[in-house]
Amino acid sequence: MHSSVVAKLISKLVTKTAIKKATNGELKHGLPILYLAIACLLFSLFAAWAYFFDDDVQKRTSDVIATTFLFWGFGIATLSCFAEYFKVKGSFDNVGIEFYTPWTGAKKEKWENLYHAEFNDTMHWYTIEFKSGKKVRLSGYLLGHGEVLKILKGQGYDL
């Protein structure tokens, strides 16, 4: 089986689990993003180990470049995943939503000011736009996003 098919299946499983998970008004990442962060960390450490301790890597410039890019690529992915797991948080109720990410900062909006909502299939997130111009992007991997979708459906959006 091709690795992209496996990745797509895992992604579907994680999102189906996340959408069903009731969190009583809380938005947060579940354990899969933490596992991904740890896996990226291990790959990055392995690339560093190969760079310094595998004599075969040092013999060809292409191997040195590839190992360096693997180290930095997985290192950046590690930091991003840990930031997502520990920093992305939010809460919501029938009145509104509060959401924080290290990428876009804090947002607090009321549902009555909802302007537009749509699903971005490429990025696999829901973009919720308010009259103020602020946008909240909820990942399909966030626990609690299914409950937000119910509120949005009550507002007339079929996502």
C-alpha atoms as a PDB file:
ATOM      1  CA  MET A   1       0.000   0.000   0.000  1.00  0.00           C
ATOM      2  CA  HIS A   2       1.314   3.430  -0.942  1.00  0.00           C
ATOM      3  CA  SER A   3       2.357   5.662   1.976  1.00  0.00           C
ATOM      4  CA  SER A   4       0.051   8.496   0.862  1.00  0.00           C
ATOM      5  CA  VAL A   5      -2.926   6.141   1.082  1.00  0.00           C
ATOM      6  CA  VAL A   6      -1.908   5.136   4.607  1.00  0.00           C
ATOM      7  CA  ALA A   7      -1.490   8.801   5.585  1.00  0.00           C
ATOM      8  CA  LYS A   8      -4.922   9.645   4.172  1.00  0.00           C
ATOM      9  CA  LEU A   9      -6.532   6.747   6.056  1.00  0.00           C
ATOM     10  CA  ILE A  10      -4.887   7.780   9.329  1.00  0.00           C
ATOM     11  CA  SER A  11      -5.985  11.373   8.732  1.00  0.00           C
ATOM     12  CA  LYS A  12      -9.597  10.297   8.142  1.00  0.00           C
ATOM     13  CA  LEU A  13      -9.568   8.151  11.271  1.00  0.00           C
ATOM     14  CA  VAL A  14      -8.204  10.988  13.428  1.00  0.00           C
ATOM     15  CA  THR A  15     -10.724  13.518  12.090  1.00  0.00           C
ATOM     16  CA  LYS A  16     -13.667  11.136  12.465  1.00  0.00           C
ATOM     17  CA  THR A  17     -12.639  10.500  16.072  1.00  0.00           C
ATOM     18  CA  ALA A  18     -12.133  14.221  16.749  1.00  0.00           C
ATOM     19  CA  ILE A  19     -15.499  15.247  15.314  1.00  0.00           C
ATOM     20  CA  LYS A  20     -17.345  12.781  17.571  1.00  0.00           C
ATOM     21  CA  LYS A  21     -15.482  13.769  20.745  1.00  0.00           C
ATOM     22  CA  ALA A  22     -17.586  15.976  23.017  1.00  0.00           C
ATOM     23  CA  THR A  23     -15.460  18.397  25.013  1.00  0.00           C
ATOM     24  CA  ASN A  24     -18.144  20.521  26.679  1.00  0.00           C
ATOM     25  CA  GLY A  25     -17.082  23.769  25.079  1.00  0.00           C
ATOM     26  CA  GLU A  26     -13.339  23.215  24.911  1.00  0.00           C
ATOM     27  CA  LEU A  27     -11.170  23.155  21.788  1.00  0.00           C
ATOM     28  CA  LYS A  28      -7.838  21.364  22.028  1.00  0.00           C
ATOM     29  CA  HIS A  29      -5.676  18.848  20.241  1.00  0.00           C
ATOM     30  CA  GLY A  30      -5.791  15.195  21.166  1.00  0.00           C
ATOM     31  CA  LEU A  31      -2.919  12.744  21.506  1.00  0.00           C
ATOM     32  CA  PRO A  32      -2.345  12.098  17.757  1.00  0.00           C
ATOM     33  CA  ILE A  33      -0.672  15.500  17.309  1.00  0.00           C
ATOM     34  CA  LEU A  34       1.559  14.785  20.310  1.00  0.00           C
ATOM     35  CA  TYR A  35       2.493  11.399  18.834  1.00  0.00           C
ATOM     36  CA  LEU A  36       3.297  13.119  15.543  1.00  0.00           C
ATOM     37  CA  ALA A  37       5.511  15.629  17.370  1.00  0.00           C
ATOM     38  CA  ILE A  38       7.398  12.813  19.093  1.00  0.00           C
ATOM     39  CA  ALA A  39       7.801  10.902  15.808  1.00  0.00           C
ATOM     40  CA  CYS A  40       9.188  14.030  14.104  1.00  0.00           C
ATOM     41  CA  LEU A  41      11.564  14.567  17.025  1.00  0.00           C
ATOM     42  CA  LEU A  42      12.839  11.000  16.726  1.00  0.00           C
ATOM     43  CA  PHE A  43      13.363  11.358  12.953  1.00  0.00           C
ATOM     44  CA  SER A  44      15.216  14.626  13.506  1.00  0.00           C
ATOM     45  CA  LEU A  45      17.437  13.075  16.172  1.00  0.00           C
ATOM     46  CA  PHE A  46      18.118  10.097  13.902  1.00  0.00           C
ATOM     47  CA  ALA A  47      19.178  12.450  11.093  1.00  0.00           C
ATOM     48  CA  ALA A  48      21.513  14.269  13.507  1.00  0.00           C
ATOM     49  CA  TRP A  49      22.942  10.961  14.681  1.00  0.00           C
ATOM     50  CA  ALA A  50      23.500   9.841  11.071  1.00  0.00           C
ATOM     51  CA  TYR A  51      25.189  13.132  10.251  1.00  0.00           C
ATOM     52  CA  PHE A  52      27.687  12.913  13.091  1.00  0.00           C
ATOM     53  CA  PHE A  53      28.186   9.167  13.568  1.00  0.00           C
ATOM     54  CA  ASP A  54      27.549   7.423  10.228  1.00  0.00           C
ATOM     55  CA  ASP A  55      30.793   7.588   8.258  1.00  0.00           C
ATOM     56  CA  ASP A  56      28.998   6.777   4.993  1.00  0.00           C
ATOM     57  CA  VAL A  57      27.031  10.031   5.173  1.00  0.00           C
ATOM     58  CA  GLN A  58      30.229  12.094   5.176  1.00  0.00           C
ATOM     59  CA  LYS A  59      31.545  10.496   1.961  1.00  0.00           C
ATOM     60  CA  ARG A  60      29.068  12.103  -0.456  1.00  0.00           C
ATOM     61  CA  THR A  61      27.977  15.716  -0.533  1.00  0.00           C
ATOM     62  CA  SER A  62      24.440  14.703  -1.522  1.00  0.00           C
ATOM     63  CA  ASP A  63      24.128  12.564   1.627  1.00  0.00           C
ATOM     64  CA  VAL A  64      25.321  15.431   3.818  1.00  0.00           C
ATOM     65  CA  ILE A  65      22.802  17.803   2.200  1.00  0.00           C
ATOM     66  CA  ALA A  66      19.957  15.278   2.451  1.00  0.00           C
ATOM     67  CA  THR A  67      20.704  14.511   6.094  1.00  0.00           C
ATOM     68  CA  THR A  68      20.911  18.214   6.931  1.00  0.00           C
ATOM     69  CA  PHE A  69      17.546  18.905   5.266  1.00  0.00           C
ATOM     70  CA  LEU A  70      15.979  15.927   7.054  1.00  0.00           C
ATOM     71  CA  PHE A  71      17.260  17.217  10.397  1.00  0.00           C
ATOM     72  CA  TRP A  72      15.956  20.749   9.837  1.00  0.00           C
ATOM     73  CA  GLY A  73      12.700  19.664   8.178  1.00  0.00           C
ATOM     74  CA  PHE A  74      11.721  17.261  10.925  1.00  0.00           C
ATOM     75  CA  GLY A  75      13.027  19.708  13.538  1.00  0.00           C
ATOM     76  CA  ILE A  76      10.709  22.451  12.295  1.00  0.00           C
ATOM     77  CA  ALA A  77       7.831  19.960  12.129  1.00  0.00           C
ATOM     78  CA  THR A  78       8.607  18.942  15.721  1.00  0.00           C
ATOM     79  CA  LEU A  79       8.413  22.524  16.964  1.00  0.00           C
ATOM     80  CA  SER A  80       5.211  23.162  15.003  1.00  0.00           C
ATOM     81  CA  CYS A  81       3.492  20.042  16.333  1.00  0.00           C
ATOM     82  CA  PHE A  82       4.499  20.732  19.939  1.00  0.00           C
ATOM     83  CA  ALA A  83       3.282  24.340  19.566  1.00  0.00           C
ATOM     84  CA  GLU A  84      -0.037  23.069  18.175  1.00  0.00           C
ATOM     85  CA  TYR A  85      -0.472  20.565  20.994  1.00  0.00           C
ATOM     86  CA  PHE A  86       0.482  22.806  23.904  1.00  0.00           C
ATOM     87  CA  LYS A  87      -0.556  26.286  22.707  1.00  0.00           C
ATOM     88  CA  VAL A  88      -3.635  25.966  20.459  1.00  0.00           C
ATOM     89  CA  LYS A  89      -6.653  26.212  22.726  1.00  0.00           C
ATOM     90  CA  GLY A  90     -10.128  27.593  22.712  1.00  0.00           C
ATOM     91  CA  SER A  91     -13.550  27.573  24.232  1.00  0.00           C
ATOM     92  CA  PHE A  92     -17.043  28.156  22.932  1.00  0.00           C
ATOM     93  CA  ASP A  93     -20.658  28.216  24.003  1.00  0.00           C
ATOM     94  CA  ASN A  94     -23.948  29.285  22.457  1.00  0.00           C
ATOM     95  CA  VAL A  95     -22.911  32.941  22.713  1.00  0.00           C
ATOM     96  CA  GLY A  96     -19.485  32.903  21.078  1.00  0.00           C
ATOM     97  CA  ILE A  97     -15.996  31.527  20.669  1.00  0.00           C
ATOM     98  CA  GLU A  98     -12.565  32.313  22.119  1.00  0.00           C
ATOM     99  CA  PHE A  99      -9.586  30.846  20.307  1.00  0.00           C
ATOM    100  CA  TYR A 100      -5.811  31.172  20.554  1.00  0.00           C
ATOM    101  CA  THR A 101      -3.004  29.970  18.322  1.00  0.00           C
ATOM    102  CA  PRO A 102       0.649  30.985  18.439  1.00  0.00           C
ATOM    103  CA  TRP A 103       0.360  31.694  14.696  1.00  0.00           C
ATOM    104  CA  THR A 104      -2.535  34.194  14.695  1.00  0.00           C
ATOM    105  CA  GLY A 105      -3.017  35.188  18.320  1.00  0.00           C
ATOM    106  CA  ALA A 106      -6.166  35.444  20.419  1.00  0.00           C
ATOM    107  CA  LYS A 107      -9.636  35.960  19.043  1.00  0.00           C
ATOM    108  CA  LYS A 108     -12.921  36.429  20.839  1.00  0.00           C
ATOM    109  CA  GLU A 109     -16.126  36.715  18.834  1.00  0.00           C
ATOM    110  CA  LYS A 110     -19.867  36.307  19.241  1.00  0.00           C
ATOM    111  CA  TRP A 111     -21.878  33.997  17.003  1.00  0.00           C
ATOM    112  CA  GLU A 112     -24.315  36.839  16.293  1.00  0.00           C
ATOM    113  CA  ASN A 113     -21.458  38.545  14.402  1.00  0.00           C
ATOM    114  CA  LEU A 114     -20.801  35.513  12.203  1.00  0.00           C
ATOM    115  CA  TYR A 115     -20.317  36.587   8.609  1.00  0.00           C
ATOM    116  CA  HIS A 116     -19.196  33.475   6.721  1.00  0.00           C
ATOM    117  CA  ALA A 117     -18.104  29.882   7.340  1.00  0.00           C
ATOM    118  CA  GLU A 118     -16.590  27.340   4.983  1.00  0.00           C
ATOM    119  CA  PHE A 119     -14.478  24.187   4.909  1.00  0.00           C
ATOM    120  CA  ASN A 120     -11.055  24.308   3.263  1.00  0.00           C
ATOM    121  CA  ASP A 121     -10.448  20.790   1.982  1.00  0.00           C
ATOM    122  CA  THR A 122      -6.819  21.469   1.048  1.00  0.00           C
ATOM    123  CA  MET A 123      -5.807  22.560   4.554  1.00  0.00           C
ATOM    124  CA  HIS A 124      -8.512  20.508   6.275  1.00  0.00           C
ATOM    125  CA  TRP A 125      -9.761  23.338   8.438  1.00  0.00           C
ATOM    126  CA  TYR A 126     -12.944  25.302   8.899  1.00  0.00           C
ATOM    127  CA  THR A 127     -12.668  29.050   8.314  1.00  0.00           C
ATOM    128  CA  ILE A 128     -15.140  31.008  10.394  1.00  0.00           C
ATOM    129  CA  GLU A 129     -15.214  34.704   9.516  1.00  0.00           C
ATOM    130  CA  PHE A 130     -16.830  37.428  11.570  1.00  0.00           C
ATOM    131  CA  LYS A 131     -18.067  40.928  10.720  1.00  0.00           C
ATOM    132  CA  SER A 132     -14.985  42.369  12.420  1.00  0.00           C
ATOM    133  CA  GLY A 133     -12.862  40.723   9.703  1.00  0.00           C
ATOM    134  CA  LYS A 134     -11.315  38.287  12.154  1.00  0.00           C
ATOM    135  CA  LYS A 135     -11.067  34.686  11.049  1.00  0.00           C
ATOM    136  CA  VAL A 136     -10.954  31.611  13.241  1.00  0.00           C
ATOM    137  CA  ARG A 137      -9.509  28.570  11.531  1.00  0.00           C
ATOM    138  CA  LEU A 138     -10.482  25.353  13.271  1.00  0.00           C
ATOM    139  CA  SER A 139      -8.489  22.294  12.303  1.00  0.00           C
ATOM    140  CA  GLY A 140     -10.412  19.131  11.608  1.00  0.00           C
ATOM    141  CA  TYR A 141      -8.047  17.492  14.101  1.00  0.00           C
ATOM    142  CA  LEU A 142      -9.186  19.649  17.035  1.00  0.00           C
ATOM    143  CA  LEU A 143     -11.271  17.924  19.641  1.00  0.00           C
ATOM    144  CA  GLY A 144     -14.530  19.800  20.061  1.00  0.00           C
ATOM    145  CA  HIS A 145     -14.785  21.091  16.519  1.00  0.00           C
ATOM    146  CA  GLY A 146     -17.778  18.824  15.904  1.00  0.00           C
ATOM    147  CA  GLU A 147     -19.713  20.709  18.566  1.00  0.00           C
ATOM    148  CA  VAL A 148     -18.810  24.014  16.881  1.00  0.00           C
ATOM    149  CA  LEU A 149     -20.112  22.593  13.602  1.00  0.00           C
ATOM    150  CA  LYS A 150     -23.462  21.936  15.288  1.00  0.00           C
ATOM    151  CA  ILE A 151     -23.618  25.590  16.343  1.00  0.00           C
ATOM    152  CA  LEU A 152     -22.733  26.658  12.797  1.00  0.00           C
ATOM    153  CA  LYS A 153     -25.466  24.406  11.392  1.00  0.00           C
ATOM    154  CA  GLY A 154     -27.877  26.144  13.749  1.00  0.00           C
ATOM    155  CA  GLN A 155     -26.761  29.409  12.136  1.00  0.00           C
ATOM    156  CA  GLY A 156     -27.635  28.015   8.689  1.00  0.00           C
ATOM    157  CA  TYR A 157     -24.209  26.804   7.553  1.00  0.00           C
ATOM    158  CA  ASP A 158     -23.993  23.252   6.245  1.00  0.00           C
ATOM    159  CA  LEU A 159     -20.360  22.273   6.526  1.00  0.00           C
END
